[in-house]
Amino acid sequence: MGLNPNYIPPGWVEPNLGPGISRPQPDESTRLFRLHVKQPAMPLMRVTIPAPSEAKALLYCKNRWPDCTAEVIK
């Protein structure tokens, strides 16, 4: 018995991915930001994202995981 590669779980929200949307543009200067990301019914994740600013880092998280709550770790 194998996994179905075309299975989409109920309540799936499609992420918005790509340069400038879920990660910086290739020519942008960035620094690393650490964030706590919480998705419904999942444990808290600690992620490190390169971004030009805190606001962009939060935007990249929201685009990768559309139904999450995210906060920058100071």
Protein backbone atom coordinates (compact mmCIF):
# COMPACT_ATOMS: atom_id res chain seq x y z
CA MET A 1 0.00 0.00 0.00
CA GLY A 2 1.59 3.30 -1.09
CA LEU A 3 0.78 6.94 -0.75
CA ASN A 4 -1.33 8.66 -3.39
CA PRO A 5 0.87 11.42 -4.92
CA ASN A 6 -2.22 13.37 -6.04
CA TYR A 7 -3.88 13.45 -2.60
CA ILE A 8 -4.75 16.91 -1.31
CA PRO A 9 -5.77 17.02 2.37
CA PRO A 10 -9.07 18.66 3.33
CA GLY A 11 -8.72 22.37 4.04
CA TRP A 12 -5.52 22.69 1.98
CA VAL A 13 -4.63 26.30 1.18
CA GLU A 14 -2.33 26.72 -1.82
CA PRO A 15 0.87 28.66 -0.98
CA ASN A 16 2.07 31.61 -3.08
CA LEU A 17 5.63 30.77 -4.07
CA GLY A 18 8.35 32.53 -6.08
CA PRO A 19 11.02 35.23 -5.98
CA GLY A 20 9.71 38.39 -4.33
CA ILE A 21 6.67 36.52 -2.99
CA SER A 22 7.93 33.76 -0.67
CA ARG A 23 11.65 34.53 -0.86
CA PRO A 24 13.79 37.55 -1.78
CA GLN A 25 14.71 38.53 -5.32
CA PRO A 26 18.12 37.10 -6.32
CA ASP A 27 19.76 40.56 -6.42
CA GLU A 28 18.30 41.90 -3.12
CA SER A 29 20.57 42.44 -0.13
CA THR A 30 19.21 40.47 2.82
CA ARG A 31 19.87 39.43 6.37
CA LEU A 32 18.57 36.46 8.31
CA PHE A 33 15.44 36.75 10.44
CA ARG A 34 14.31 34.10 12.92
CA LEU A 35 10.57 33.63 13.27
CA HIS A 36 8.07 31.52 15.17
CA VAL A 37 5.48 30.17 12.75
CA LYS A 38 2.31 28.45 13.99
CA GLN A 39 -0.05 26.63 11.67
CA PRO A 40 -3.44 25.37 12.88
CA ALA A 41 -3.23 21.88 14.42
CA MET A 42 0.58 21.78 13.99
CA PRO A 43 3.41 22.34 16.46
CA LEU A 44 5.22 25.67 16.56
CA MET A 45 8.04 25.95 14.00
CA ARG A 46 11.17 28.05 14.35
CA VAL A 47 12.34 29.15 10.90
CA THR A 48 15.19 31.32 9.63
CA ILE A 49 14.38 33.33 6.51
CA PRO A 50 16.60 35.68 4.49
CA ALA A 51 14.75 38.96 3.88
CA PRO A 52 15.52 42.65 3.37
CA SER A 53 13.31 43.68 6.35
CA GLU A 54 11.17 42.29 9.18
CA ALA A 55 7.99 43.17 7.30
CA LYS A 56 9.16 41.24 4.23
CA ALA A 57 10.14 38.23 6.39
CA LEU A 58 6.61 38.13 7.82
CA LEU A 59 5.15 38.51 4.32
CA TYR A 60 7.28 35.62 3.03
CA CYS A 61 6.01 33.43 5.89
CA LYS A 62 2.38 34.33 5.21
CA ASN A 63 2.84 33.50 1.53
CA ARG A 64 4.55 30.14 2.23
CA TRP A 65 2.06 29.10 4.91
CA PRO A 66 -1.15 31.10 4.17
CA ASP A 67 -3.10 30.13 7.31
CA CYS A 68 -0.24 30.65 9.80
CA THR A 69 0.50 33.18 12.49
CA ALA A 70 4.09 34.40 12.52
CA GLU A 71 6.19 36.59 14.77
CA VAL A 72 9.81 37.70 14.63
CA ILE A 73 12.02 36.42 17.43
CA LYS A 74 14.00 39.33 18.88
